[in-house]
Amino acid sequence: MHIVVCIKQVPDSAQIRVHPVTNTIMRQGVPTIINPYDLFALEEALRLRDKFGGEVTVLTMGPPMAEDSLRRALTYGADRAVLLTDRFFAGSDTLATSFALATAIARISEVYGKPEIVFTGKQTIDGDTAQVGPGIAKRLDLLQLTYVSKIGKLDLDGGSIEVERRAEGGVQVLKTRLPVLITMLEGTNDMRRGSMKDALRAARAEVVKWGAKDAGIEDMTKCGLRGSPTVVKRVFAPGGRTDKAEFITFTDKTPIEFGDELVEAIFKRQPAVEDDLIKHAHEFAAY
């Protein structure tokens, strides 16, 4: 089994800065980390590899320094790392990024074997769009399972997978055929520490570096700024809330009386919550 995991090296959100003129993220001098959501995807891929065998290839697009994040992924146990780096990729939005990554995955399929599963995190902390994963699936004509909270059954012989997907109002259990792209939710697993053997291997390993032509990209107008129709008009910090907290005391009241008063106060301030609960109660009763 071959699994590809797309990760991204992102600025530490605690120290992020935005350029006042271009409205783009200023990465110079800001510590970088692996996008936290991608770590859940990586751990899930490694667990499937450990259980069913095969290889895990980690892919990222970025400047040469993104190699650091790939080597970190290798220390966790990934088998191979591919860095897609070229000056033509600078300034890519989600459309251009998904195009470049999808083309690179197609190239990986030719060189290292077609992946049964492509994993991504649900989104990145520097963009928060959650568009790249579905964009890759669309370009590669892959079935996609988004916001997955748990991998259930994987049948390699039958070519199917069953997952739990978080949705409004509950959890969906979905089954589909392979190959598939999965975006993992946060909190679905705990990232392993990695072994000393993997750490030593990661230090010596060769990170495969592909430029645009190496990855099979022929139309450069779909890359970088030229392939990015997104325009950031303004970046601003949200204003502070002016609502004051309302304190409710329960002196000389029983817990039941206090609970009734608290619920009544919540419904008074948020009438939509009461309507929604009544609606769900009727649906549950009908069920």
Protein backbone atom coordinates (compact mmCIF):
# COMPACT_ATOMS: atom_id res chain seq x y z
CA MET A 1 0.00 0.00 0.00
CA HIS A 2 1.25 3.46 -0.88
CA ILE A 3 0.07 6.53 1.04
CA VAL A 4 0.90 10.15 0.21
CA VAL A 5 0.64 12.78 2.96
CA CYS A 6 0.62 16.46 2.03
CA ILE A 7 2.08 18.69 4.72
CA LYS A 8 2.92 22.37 4.87
CA GLN A 9 5.59 24.33 6.71
CA VAL A 10 3.83 27.31 8.26
CA PRO A 11 4.85 30.26 10.42
CA ASP A 12 4.31 29.82 14.14
CA SER A 13 0.90 31.47 14.54
CA ALA A 14 1.95 32.98 17.87
CA GLN A 15 4.55 35.12 16.06
CA ILE A 16 2.89 35.73 12.71
CA ARG A 17 3.05 39.14 11.01
CA VAL A 18 1.26 40.61 8.00
CA HIS A 19 2.89 42.98 5.52
CA PRO A 20 1.11 46.36 5.77
CA VAL A 21 1.23 47.02 2.01
CA THR A 22 0.89 43.64 0.25
CA ASN A 23 -1.34 42.04 2.93
CA THR A 24 0.71 38.83 2.65
CA ILE A 25 2.22 36.85 5.51
CA MET A 26 5.76 37.94 6.40
CA ARG A 27 7.73 34.74 6.89
CA GLN A 28 11.20 36.21 7.31
CA GLY A 29 12.47 35.86 10.85
CA VAL A 30 9.38 33.96 12.02
CA PRO A 31 9.90 30.42 13.41
CA THR A 32 8.27 27.71 11.30
CA ILE A 33 6.54 24.48 12.25
CA ILE A 34 4.67 21.67 10.52
CA ASN A 35 1.05 22.68 10.16
CA PRO A 36 -0.51 21.10 13.29
CA TYR A 37 -3.51 19.69 11.42
CA ASP A 38 -1.18 17.87 9.02
CA LEU A 39 0.38 15.97 11.91
CA PHE A 40 -2.92 14.20 12.54
CA ALA A 41 -2.95 13.15 8.88
CA LEU A 42 0.65 11.95 9.07
CA GLU A 43 0.07 9.89 12.21
CA GLU A 44 -3.01 8.25 10.70
CA ALA A 45 -1.02 7.37 7.58
CA LEU A 46 1.77 5.86 9.67
CA ARG A 47 -0.71 3.79 11.67
CA LEU A 48 -2.20 2.34 8.48
CA ARG A 49 1.29 1.64 7.13
CA ASP A 50 2.26 -0.12 10.36
CA LYS A 51 -0.89 -2.24 10.24
CA PHE A 52 -1.13 -3.10 6.54
CA GLY A 53 2.43 -2.56 5.32
CA GLY A 54 3.56 -0.37 2.47
CA GLU A 55 5.16 3.07 2.25
CA VAL A 56 4.34 6.63 3.30
CA THR A 57 5.54 9.46 1.07
CA VAL A 58 5.43 12.98 2.50
CA LEU A 59 5.02 15.85 0.05
CA THR A 60 5.26 19.59 0.55
CA MET A 61 5.51 22.67 -1.63
CA GLY A 62 7.58 25.58 -0.43
CA PRO A 63 10.98 27.28 -0.34
CA PRO A 64 14.17 25.23 0.17
CA MET A 65 13.95 25.69 3.94
CA ALA A 66 10.75 23.58 3.91
CA GLU A 67 13.13 20.62 3.82
CA ASP A 68 13.34 20.97 7.61
CA SER A 69 9.69 20.00 8.01
CA LEU A 70 10.11 17.04 5.68
CA ARG A 71 13.04 15.76 7.71
CA ARG A 72 10.94 16.12 10.84
CA ALA A 73 8.28 13.98 9.15
CA LEU A 74 10.96 11.40 8.38
CA THR A 75 11.92 11.28 12.06
CA TYR A 76 8.34 10.31 12.85
CA GLY A 77 8.66 7.33 10.51
CA ALA A 78 7.73 8.44 6.99
CA ASP A 79 9.54 6.43 4.32
CA ARG A 80 10.15 9.11 1.70
CA ALA A 81 10.05 12.91 1.40
CA VAL A 82 9.47 15.01 -1.72
CA LEU A 83 9.99 18.78 -1.78
CA LEU A 84 8.30 20.71 -4.56
CA THR A 85 10.27 23.93 -4.77
CA ASP A 86 10.61 26.47 -7.56
CA ARG A 87 10.53 30.25 -7.80
CA PHE A 88 7.51 29.89 -10.12
CA PHE A 89 5.45 28.73 -7.10
CA ALA A 90 5.94 31.98 -5.14
CA GLY A 91 2.69 33.69 -4.21
CA SER A 92 0.45 30.69 -4.92
CA ASP A 93 -3.10 30.81 -3.61
CA THR A 94 -5.15 27.69 -2.95
CA LEU A 95 -6.01 27.22 -6.64
CA ALA A 96 -2.39 27.33 -7.80
CA THR A 97 -1.24 25.27 -4.81
CA SER A 98 -3.74 22.47 -5.44
CA PHE A 99 -2.71 22.42 -9.12
CA ALA A 100 1.00 22.07 -8.28
CA LEU A 101 0.47 19.44 -5.59
CA ALA A 102 -1.94 17.41 -7.74
CA THR A 103 0.57 17.40 -10.59
CA ALA A 104 3.34 16.35 -8.19
CA ILE A 105 1.19 13.49 -6.83
CA ALA A 106 0.59 12.32 -10.40
CA ARG A 107 4.35 12.34 -10.89
CA ILE A 108 4.85 10.44 -7.61
CA SER A 109 2.40 7.83 -8.92
CA GLU A 110 4.60 7.31 -11.98
CA VAL A 111 7.87 7.12 -10.06
CA TYR A 112 6.96 5.41 -6.77
CA GLY A 113 3.58 3.82 -7.42
CA LYS A 114 -0.01 5.00 -7.37
CA PRO A 115 -1.23 5.86 -3.85
CA GLU A 116 -4.34 4.21 -2.48
CA ILE A 117 -4.85 7.09 -0.04
CA VAL A 118 -3.84 10.75 -0.08
CA PHE A 119 -3.98 12.42 3.33
CA THR A 120 -4.08 16.11 4.22
CA GLY A 121 -4.97 18.04 7.33
CA LYS A 122 -8.39 19.68 7.33
CA GLN A 123 -6.78 23.10 6.78
CA THR A 124 -3.66 25.15 7.54
CA ILE A 125 -3.26 27.65 10.35
CA ASP A 126 -1.86 30.34 8.05
CA GLY A 127 -4.73 30.25 5.54
CA ASP A 128 -7.67 28.47 7.22
CA THR A 129 -9.40 27.92 3.88
CA ALA A 130 -9.67 24.10 3.88
CA GLN A 131 -9.63 24.28 0.05
CA VAL A 132 -6.36 22.62 -0.96
CA GLY A 133 -7.32 19.05 -0.04
CA PRO A 134 -10.62 19.08 -1.97
CA GLY A 135 -8.85 20.94 -4.80
CA ILE A 136 -6.30 18.13 -5.12
CA ALA A 137 -9.08 15.52 -5.11
CA LYS A 138 -10.94 17.34 -7.88
CA ARG A 139 -7.86 17.65 -10.10
CA LEU A 140 -6.88 13.99 -9.61
CA ASP A 141 -10.49 12.77 -9.92
CA LEU A 142 -10.31 11.19 -6.47
CA LEU A 143 -13.21 10.50 -4.17
CA GLN A 144 -12.85 12.70 -1.09
CA LEU A 145 -13.74 12.28 2.56
CA THR A 146 -13.42 15.54 4.48
CA TYR A 147 -13.37 16.26 8.24
CA VAL A 148 -12.69 12.62 9.05
CA SER A 149 -12.47 11.86 12.76
CA LYS A 150 -11.73 8.14 12.62
CA ILE A 151 -10.57 5.53 10.12
CA GLY A 152 -12.75 2.44 10.47
CA LYS A 153 -12.31 -0.52 8.17
CA LEU A 154 -9.78 -0.65 5.35
CA ASP A 155 -10.20 -3.49 2.85
CA LEU A 156 -7.26 -3.44 0.44
CA ASP A 157 -8.37 -6.61 -1.36
CA GLY A 158 -11.87 -5.25 -1.87
CA GLY A 159 -10.58 -1.72 -2.52
CA SER A 160 -12.78 0.05 0.04
CA ILE A 161 -12.49 2.15 3.18
CA GLU A 162 -14.93 3.07 5.94
CA VAL A 163 -14.55 6.23 8.03
CA GLU A 164 -16.36 8.36 10.56
CA ARG A 165 -16.90 11.94 9.49
CA ARG A 166 -17.89 14.76 11.81
CA ALA A 167 -20.94 16.67 10.59
CA GLU A 168 -23.51 19.06 11.98
CA GLY A 169 -25.72 17.25 14.41
CA GLY A 170 -23.63 14.12 14.73
CA VAL A 171 -21.24 11.71 13.05
CA GLN A 172 -21.57 10.19 9.59
CA VAL A 173 -20.26 6.70 8.82
CA LEU A 174 -19.19 6.60 5.19
CA LYS A 175 -17.85 3.81 3.03
CA THR A 176 -16.28 4.37 -0.37
CA ARG A 177 -13.87 2.79 -2.80
CA LEU A 178 -10.16 3.42 -3.15
CA PRO A 179 -8.24 5.49 -4.17
CA VAL A 180 -9.44 8.32 -1.98
CA LEU A 181 -8.34 11.65 -0.51
CA ILE A 182 -8.95 12.14 3.22
CA THR A 183 -8.70 15.35 5.25
CA MET A 184 -8.22 14.62 8.95
CA LEU A 185 -9.71 16.54 11.85
CA GLU A 186 -7.73 17.71 14.84
CA GLY A 187 -7.67 15.62 18.01
CA THR A 188 -8.11 12.34 16.15
CA ASN A 189 -4.85 10.80 17.39
CA ASP A 190 -1.61 11.54 19.22
CA MET A 191 1.54 12.08 17.17
CA ARG A 192 4.22 9.53 17.98
CA ARG A 193 7.62 10.60 19.22
CA GLY A 194 9.59 8.70 16.59
CA SER A 195 12.39 6.23 17.24
CA MET A 196 16.12 6.84 17.41
CA LYS A 197 16.49 4.68 14.32
CA ASP A 198 14.13 6.91 12.35
CA ALA A 199 15.88 10.04 13.63
CA LEU A 200 19.26 8.80 12.42
CA ARG A 201 17.74 7.71 9.11
CA ALA A 202 16.12 11.11 8.65
CA ALA A 203 19.44 12.89 9.14
CA ARG A 204 21.04 10.84 6.36
CA ALA A 205 18.06 10.53 4.03
CA GLU A 206 17.92 12.26 0.68
CA VAL A 207 14.96 14.59 0.31
CA VAL A 208 13.80 14.42 -3.29
CA LYS A 209 13.67 17.96 -4.71
CA TRP A 210 11.54 18.69 -7.74
CA GLY A 211 11.20 21.91 -9.66
CA ALA A 212 8.15 22.66 -11.76
CA LYS A 213 9.46 20.76 -14.79
CA ASP A 214 10.60 17.79 -12.68
CA ALA A 215 7.05 17.45 -11.35
CA GLY A 216 5.63 17.46 -14.85
CA ILE A 217 4.16 20.97 -14.78
CA GLU A 218 4.08 22.31 -18.32
CA ASP A 219 1.72 25.30 -18.05
CA MET A 220 3.51 27.80 -15.82
CA THR A 221 0.61 30.25 -16.04
CA LYS A 222 -1.23 28.02 -13.54
CA CYS A 223 1.52 28.42 -10.94
CA GLY A 224 2.44 31.16 -8.50
CA LEU A 225 0.96 34.63 -8.73
CA ARG A 226 0.03 34.18 -12.39
CA GLY A 227 -2.15 31.22 -11.54
CA SER A 228 -3.65 32.80 -8.42
CA PRO A 229 -6.88 34.77 -8.96
CA THR A 230 -7.33 35.40 -5.23
CA VAL A 231 -6.82 39.04 -4.22
CA VAL A 232 -6.48 40.05 -0.56
CA LYS A 233 -8.08 43.48 -0.28
CA ARG A 234 -7.62 44.05 3.42
CA VAL A 235 -6.33 42.32 6.53
CA PHE A 236 -7.50 43.49 9.94
CA ALA A 237 -7.87 42.33 13.50
CA PRO A 238 -11.46 41.89 14.71
CA GLY A 239 -12.64 44.44 17.22
CA GLY A 240 -13.17 43.56 20.84
CA ARG A 241 -16.59 42.55 22.10
CA THR A 242 -18.52 45.19 23.97
CA ASP A 243 -21.07 42.87 25.58
CA LYS A 244 -20.65 42.57 29.30
CA ALA A 245 -20.97 39.29 31.14
CA GLU A 246 -24.14 38.78 33.13
CA PHE A 247 -23.66 37.25 36.56
CA ILE A 248 -26.36 35.01 38.00
CA THR A 249 -26.12 33.95 41.63
CA PHE A 250 -28.03 31.11 43.24
CA THR A 251 -28.10 32.27 46.87
CA ASP A 252 -31.03 30.69 48.66
CA LYS A 253 -31.91 28.67 45.58
CA THR A 254 -31.85 24.98 44.98
CA PRO A 255 -29.70 23.65 42.14
CA ILE A 256 -32.85 22.89 40.15
CA GLU A 257 -34.16 26.44 40.59
CA PHE A 258 -30.80 27.89 39.61
CA GLY A 259 -30.65 25.63 36.56
CA ASP A 260 -34.10 26.75 35.42
CA GLU A 261 -33.12 30.40 35.82
CA LEU A 262 -29.87 29.90 33.97
CA VAL A 263 -31.56 28.17 31.03
CA GLU A 264 -34.21 30.88 30.89
CA ALA A 265 -31.50 33.57 30.81
CA ILE A 266 -29.68 31.78 27.98
CA PHE A 267 -32.85 31.44 25.92
CA LYS A 268 -33.66 35.11 26.51
CA ARG A 269 -30.29 36.21 25.16
CA GLN A 270 -30.10 33.55 22.42
CA PRO A 271 -33.66 32.77 21.22
CA ALA A 272 -32.29 30.84 18.24
CA VAL A 273 -30.82 28.27 20.64
CA GLU A 274 -34.26 27.55 22.10
CA ASP A 275 -35.82 27.22 18.65
CA ASP A 276 -33.06 24.87 17.53
CA LEU A 277 -33.42 22.64 20.60
CA ILE A 278 -37.18 22.44 20.15
CA LYS A 279 -36.71 21.53 16.49
CA HIS A 280 -34.26 18.74 17.33
CA ALA A 281 -36.54 17.48 20.10
CA HIS A 282 -39.42 17.13 17.64
CA GLU A 283 -37.15 15.38 15.12
CA PHE A 284 -35.92 12.97 17.79
CA ALA A 285 -39.47 12.24 18.94
CA ALA A 286 -40.54 11.54 15.35
CA TYR A 287 -37.56 9.24 14.90
